[in-house]
Amino acid sequence: MALKKVRSVRSGAIFTLPYLVALEHGYFAEEGIDLELVAAGTYDAVLKPIEEHELVSSFGGISTPFESGDVSLYRACEWGQIRRSHDSTRGGQIIAKRAAVASQAIFVRPDSGILHPQSLANRTVGVNFHHGSHYLAIQSLEGFLEPDEIKVVHAGGPAERFRKLRDGEIDAVALMEPWTTAAEKLGYVLITEAFYVGSEIASADLDPETFAAVDRAVRRAVRKINEDIRPYLHHFVEEVPEDVVKLEPADFRLGRLRYADPEPYPEGEFERTHRWMVKWGLIEPQSTFASIVDNRVAAV
């Protein structure tokens, strides 16, 4: 029997690890799925940090494989996926929580003198607008600072914004793994860190039966990862160039790497997150749960 082709965005290993493990062990093929991971796309170089999020597409840069129809699945942070489903011209909707429970951490240079969040008042914090670093940086700082004191700026992907921090172009950056481990190994100072939920968006042509097969393979991979993640740490090591720092699997704090079975995205969680996004001007208020979410995964 021929396998059914499904194409998904290949984001960072922290988000994509269950897919990488399922491919390695043949779980997708056993479910009748020929799954292909596709590069996330190409981005405009950020020559100067951008201060207004409206100037940056929620889907990223100049080439966006989801909106162009090249892929059917795309996983990212909860807030960004609400915004992308709202913006999608292709009818993309949230279909499940993703398996990865990632963290974002705000770091400063070792010589900055900054030791706590209050010291980041009116300091630039480099993020990637409409991605987890953007939203979680605001949520991490709003308990310490007045809204007009929080200065998040778009500085590109994690490698790009780390280099901008290193080179003194911005005061702080929000990073996820493996860049949190890279920053710690280089002596950068951790200011605040928090874990956050993500979700999958899918195009309308990804039917529930096909996604159910993908989901079963992902759940098997989650079990494999949670048995012992160490055989798969090389995926994280490979994402940080050695001219920045040479990482080893032993450098990682395993408790920071969290994976769980995908679940339906509840309406109550959507409403709470949507209200927060509206408060910060990150989405238009007319979005509804019915228009943004089409759960295609069953509660277990």
Protein backbone atom coordinates (compact mmCIF):
# COMPACT_ATOMS: atom_id res chain seq x y z
CA MET A 1 0.00 0.00 0.00
CA ALA A 2 1.35 3.44 -0.92
CA LEU A 3 2.15 5.77 1.93
CA LYS A 4 0.23 9.04 2.23
CA LYS A 5 2.48 12.08 1.78
CA VAL A 6 2.43 14.72 4.53
CA ARG A 7 4.80 17.69 4.60
CA SER A 8 5.54 19.65 7.77
CA VAL A 9 7.72 22.64 8.60
CA ARG A 10 11.10 21.72 10.09
CA SER A 11 11.49 24.21 12.93
CA GLY A 12 14.13 24.04 15.66
CA ALA A 13 14.96 20.68 17.22
CA ILE A 14 13.40 21.74 20.52
CA PHE A 15 10.02 21.85 18.75
CA THR A 16 10.53 19.15 16.11
CA LEU A 17 12.29 16.45 18.12
CA PRO A 18 9.26 14.07 18.28
CA TYR A 19 9.04 14.21 14.48
CA LEU A 20 12.78 13.57 14.11
CA VAL A 21 12.60 10.60 16.48
CA ALA A 22 9.50 9.19 14.78
CA LEU A 23 11.25 9.41 11.42
CA GLU A 24 14.39 7.76 12.79
CA HIS A 25 12.44 4.81 14.17
CA GLY A 26 10.03 4.43 11.25
CA TYR A 27 6.89 5.26 13.25
CA PHE A 28 5.32 7.36 10.49
CA ALA A 29 5.82 4.67 7.87
CA GLU A 30 4.21 2.12 10.19
CA GLU A 31 1.17 4.42 10.30
CA GLY A 32 1.03 4.65 6.51
CA ILE A 33 2.50 8.18 6.42
CA ASP A 34 5.37 9.42 4.27
CA LEU A 35 6.29 12.47 6.37
CA GLU A 36 8.73 15.04 5.02
CA LEU A 37 10.19 17.90 7.04
CA VAL A 38 10.61 21.10 5.02
CA ALA A 39 12.87 24.04 5.86
CA ALA A 40 11.05 26.87 7.60
CA GLY A 41 11.70 29.33 4.77
CA THR A 42 13.95 32.30 4.08
CA TYR A 43 14.04 35.50 6.08
CA ASP A 44 15.00 39.09 5.47
CA ALA A 45 18.21 39.95 7.30
CA VAL A 46 17.55 42.14 10.33
CA LEU A 47 20.08 44.89 9.78
CA LYS A 48 18.67 47.00 12.60
CA PRO A 49 16.31 45.82 15.35
CA ILE A 50 12.68 46.54 14.47
CA GLU A 51 10.52 48.13 17.17
CA GLU A 52 6.99 47.72 15.74
CA HIS A 53 5.59 44.19 15.45
CA GLU A 54 3.15 45.24 12.72
CA LEU A 55 6.14 45.56 10.37
CA VAL A 56 6.89 41.82 10.61
CA SER A 57 4.71 39.03 9.19
CA SER A 58 3.41 36.52 11.71
CA PHE A 59 4.57 33.78 9.31
CA GLY A 60 8.15 35.02 9.24
CA GLY A 61 10.15 36.17 6.27
CA ILE A 62 10.05 36.39 2.52
CA SER A 63 9.38 32.67 1.95
CA THR A 64 6.65 31.01 4.03
CA PRO A 65 6.04 27.35 3.13
CA PHE A 66 2.76 27.09 5.03
CA GLU A 67 1.03 30.00 3.31
CA SER A 68 2.44 29.04 -0.07
CA GLY A 69 0.92 25.56 0.24
CA ASP A 70 4.22 23.68 0.40
CA VAL A 71 3.39 22.15 3.79
CA SER A 72 0.26 21.14 5.68
CA LEU A 73 1.57 21.26 9.28
CA TYR A 74 3.38 23.94 11.23
CA ARG A 75 4.15 23.88 14.98
CA ALA A 76 5.01 26.94 17.06
CA CYS A 77 4.03 28.82 20.23
CA GLU A 78 0.42 29.17 21.40
CA TRP A 79 0.25 32.94 20.92
CA GLY A 80 1.88 32.94 17.51
CA GLN A 81 -0.39 30.18 16.26
CA ILE A 82 -3.48 32.17 17.28
CA ARG A 83 -2.09 35.11 15.33
CA ARG A 84 -1.14 32.96 12.31
CA SER A 85 -4.55 31.31 12.18
CA HIS A 86 -6.06 34.80 12.28
CA ASP A 87 -3.75 36.01 9.49
CA SER A 88 -3.74 32.90 7.29
CA THR A 89 -5.00 33.39 3.75
CA ARG A 90 -5.00 29.61 3.38
CA GLY A 91 -7.47 28.87 6.16
CA GLY A 92 -4.92 27.48 8.60
CA GLN A 93 -6.33 26.58 12.01
CA ILE A 94 -4.99 25.26 15.31
CA ILE A 95 -5.68 21.52 15.44
CA ALA A 96 -3.90 20.41 18.65
CA LYS A 97 -1.38 21.33 21.28
CA ARG A 98 2.11 20.36 20.17
CA ALA A 99 4.20 17.78 21.99
CA ALA A 100 7.06 20.15 22.90
CA VAL A 101 6.78 22.17 26.10
CA ALA A 102 9.61 24.60 25.48
CA SER A 103 11.10 27.45 27.49
CA GLN A 104 12.37 30.88 26.64
CA ALA A 105 15.02 32.53 28.80
CA ILE A 106 16.21 36.13 28.83
CA PHE A 107 20.01 36.52 28.95
CA VAL A 108 22.37 39.48 29.19
CA ARG A 109 26.10 39.78 28.55
CA PRO A 110 28.43 38.76 31.39
CA ASP A 111 29.71 42.34 31.76
CA SER A 112 26.32 44.10 31.63
CA GLY A 113 25.83 44.52 35.37
CA ILE A 114 22.19 43.46 34.96
CA LEU A 115 21.18 40.85 37.53
CA HIS A 116 17.36 40.94 37.74
CA PRO A 117 14.33 41.77 35.53
CA GLN A 118 13.74 45.26 36.94
CA SER A 119 17.09 46.33 35.52
CA LEU A 120 15.72 45.73 32.01
CA ALA A 121 13.42 48.77 32.24
CA ASN A 122 13.76 50.67 28.95
CA ARG A 123 16.50 48.28 27.79
CA THR A 124 16.18 46.55 24.42
CA VAL A 125 15.28 42.85 24.57
CA GLY A 126 15.86 41.05 21.28
CA VAL A 127 13.10 38.66 20.18
CA ASN A 128 11.60 37.21 17.01
CA PHE A 129 8.27 38.99 16.58
CA HIS A 130 5.21 36.70 16.57
CA HIS A 131 7.24 33.76 17.91
CA GLY A 132 7.60 32.42 21.43
CA SER A 133 10.50 34.71 22.31
CA HIS A 134 8.34 37.77 21.58
CA TYR A 135 5.30 36.83 23.64
CA LEU A 136 7.08 35.15 26.52
CA ALA A 137 9.52 38.03 26.92
CA ILE A 138 6.55 40.34 27.49
CA GLN A 139 4.86 37.91 29.87
CA SER A 140 8.10 37.36 31.78
CA LEU A 141 8.69 41.08 32.26
CA GLU A 142 5.21 42.51 32.78
CA GLY A 143 5.20 41.35 36.42
CA PHE A 144 8.28 43.50 37.08
CA LEU A 145 7.96 46.49 34.74
CA GLU A 146 5.39 49.00 33.55
CA PRO A 147 4.14 48.27 30.01
CA ASP A 148 5.91 51.30 28.54
CA GLU A 149 9.20 50.16 30.13
CA ILE A 150 9.23 46.86 28.20
CA LYS A 151 11.23 47.37 25.00
CA VAL A 152 11.09 44.18 22.94
CA VAL A 153 12.62 44.53 19.47
CA HIS A 154 12.65 42.19 16.49
CA ALA A 155 16.20 40.90 16.08
CA GLY A 156 15.68 37.75 14.00
CA GLY A 157 16.12 34.07 14.78
CA PRO A 158 18.02 32.78 17.82
CA ALA A 159 21.45 32.70 16.18
CA GLU A 160 21.00 36.19 14.79
CA ARG A 161 19.77 37.72 18.02
CA PHE A 162 22.46 35.98 20.09
CA ARG A 163 25.12 37.54 17.87
CA LYS A 164 23.45 40.95 18.23
CA LEU A 165 23.65 40.55 22.01
CA ARG A 166 27.26 39.40 21.87
CA ASP A 167 28.20 42.34 19.64
CA GLY A 168 26.48 44.93 21.86
CA GLU A 169 23.67 45.86 19.45
CA ILE A 170 20.97 45.03 22.02
CA ASP A 171 20.90 44.78 25.80
CA ALA A 172 19.29 41.36 26.27
CA VAL A 173 17.79 38.50 24.26
CA ALA A 174 15.19 35.79 24.72
CA LEU A 175 16.50 32.36 23.73
CA MET A 176 15.29 28.76 23.63
CA GLU A 177 17.30 25.55 23.51
CA PRO A 178 19.96 24.87 22.36
CA TRP A 179 20.85 28.56 22.61
CA THR A 180 20.08 28.71 26.34
CA THR A 181 22.71 26.05 26.92
CA ALA A 182 25.12 27.89 24.59
CA ALA A 183 24.60 31.14 26.50
CA GLU A 184 25.14 29.45 29.85
CA LYS A 185 28.31 27.72 28.66
CA LEU A 186 29.68 31.10 27.56
CA GLY A 187 28.92 32.71 30.92
CA TYR A 188 25.98 34.88 29.89
CA VAL A 189 23.68 35.83 32.78
CA LEU A 190 20.20 34.30 33.02
CA ILE A 191 17.60 36.91 34.09
CA THR A 192 14.30 35.04 33.81
CA GLU A 193 12.96 31.83 32.25
CA ALA A 194 9.52 30.27 31.76
CA PHE A 195 7.96 27.29 30.00
CA TYR A 196 5.12 27.66 27.53
CA VAL A 197 2.58 25.72 25.50
CA GLY A 198 2.69 25.43 21.73
CA SER A 199 0.31 24.15 19.09
CA GLU A 200 0.08 22.75 15.59
CA ILE A 201 -1.70 24.57 12.79
CA ALA A 202 -2.84 22.70 9.70
CA SER A 203 -4.36 23.44 6.35
CA ALA A 204 -7.94 22.40 5.61
CA ASP A 205 -6.78 19.57 3.32
CA LEU A 206 -5.18 17.66 6.21
CA ASP A 207 -8.07 15.39 7.13
CA PRO A 208 -8.62 14.12 10.71
CA GLU A 209 -7.78 10.50 9.81
CA THR A 210 -4.40 11.48 8.38
CA PHE A 211 -3.58 13.68 11.34
CA ALA A 212 -4.63 10.88 13.70
CA ALA A 213 -1.99 8.66 12.07
CA VAL A 214 0.63 11.42 12.41
CA ASP A 215 -0.43 11.91 16.03
CA ARG A 216 -0.02 8.22 16.87
CA ALA A 217 3.54 8.27 15.54
CA VAL A 218 4.33 11.45 17.49
CA ARG A 219 2.98 9.90 20.71
CA ARG A 220 5.24 6.86 20.24
CA ALA A 221 8.18 9.21 19.77
CA VAL A 222 7.27 11.15 22.92
CA ARG A 223 7.38 7.90 24.90
CA LYS A 224 10.78 7.09 23.38
CA ILE A 225 12.13 10.55 24.22
CA ASN A 226 10.86 10.40 27.78
CA GLU A 227 12.46 7.00 28.29
CA ASP A 228 15.86 8.53 27.51
CA ILE A 229 16.43 11.74 25.57
CA ARG A 230 20.22 11.46 25.57
CA PRO A 231 20.55 9.54 22.26
CA TYR A 232 18.82 12.45 20.52
CA LEU A 233 20.75 15.38 22.01
CA HIS A 234 22.95 15.52 18.92
CA HIS A 235 20.07 17.27 17.13
CA PHE A 236 20.47 20.19 19.55
CA VAL A 237 24.27 20.21 19.39
CA GLU A 238 24.18 20.46 15.59
CA GLU A 239 22.13 23.68 15.64
CA VAL A 240 24.80 25.85 17.28
CA PRO A 241 27.81 26.67 15.06
CA GLU A 242 31.15 25.81 16.62
CA ASP A 243 32.39 29.35 15.91
CA VAL A 244 29.91 30.46 18.60
CA VAL A 245 30.60 27.65 21.08
CA LYS A 246 31.23 23.92 20.85
CA LEU A 247 28.41 22.15 22.66
CA GLU A 248 28.48 18.61 24.02
CA PRO A 249 25.46 16.47 24.99
CA ALA A 250 26.59 16.64 28.63
CA ASP A 251 26.13 20.43 28.60
CA PHE A 252 22.32 20.20 28.53
CA ARG A 253 20.07 20.33 31.58
CA LEU A 254 17.67 17.49 30.80
CA GLY A 255 14.91 18.91 32.99
CA ARG A 256 14.64 21.79 30.54
CA LEU A 257 13.65 19.40 27.72
CA ARG A 258 9.98 18.54 28.21
CA TYR A 259 7.68 16.56 25.92
CA ALA A 260 4.09 15.42 26.40
CA ASP A 261 1.34 13.79 24.31
CA PRO A 262 -0.53 16.27 22.09
CA GLU A 263 -3.93 17.33 23.45
CA PRO A 264 -6.95 19.28 22.20
CA TYR A 265 -6.62 23.05 22.62
CA PRO A 266 -9.34 24.05 25.13
CA GLU A 267 -11.60 27.03 24.55
CA GLY A 268 -10.88 28.41 28.04
CA GLU A 269 -7.14 28.51 27.36
CA PHE A 270 -7.75 30.17 24.01
CA GLU A 271 -9.95 32.85 25.58
CA ARG A 272 -7.41 33.67 28.30
CA THR A 273 -4.54 33.90 25.82
CA HIS A 274 -6.61 35.84 23.28
CA ARG A 275 -7.62 38.44 25.90
CA TRP A 276 -3.97 38.96 26.81
CA MET A 277 -2.99 39.39 23.15
CA VAL A 278 -5.77 41.91 22.59
CA LYS A 279 -4.67 43.84 25.72
CA TRP A 280 -1.17 44.19 24.27
CA GLY A 281 -2.39 45.04 20.76
CA LEU A 282 -1.00 41.78 19.34
CA ILE A 283 -4.20 40.70 17.59
CA GLU A 284 -7.56 42.13 16.56
CA PRO A 285 -10.34 41.52 19.12
CA GLN A 286 -12.87 39.98 16.71
CA SER A 287 -11.11 36.60 16.44
CA THR A 288 -13.18 33.71 17.83
CA PHE A 289 -12.40 30.21 19.05
CA ALA A 290 -14.52 28.74 16.24
CA SER A 291 -12.57 30.61 13.56
CA ILE A 292 -9.11 29.91 15.03
CA VAL A 293 -9.39 26.34 16.38
CA ASP A 294 -10.46 23.04 14.78
CA ASN A 295 -9.31 20.34 17.19
CA ARG A 296 -8.39 17.20 15.24
CA VAL A 297 -6.88 15.26 18.11
CA ALA A 298 -8.91 13.35 20.68
CA ALA A 299 -8.53 13.68 24.44
CA VAL A 300 -7.03 10.51 25.90
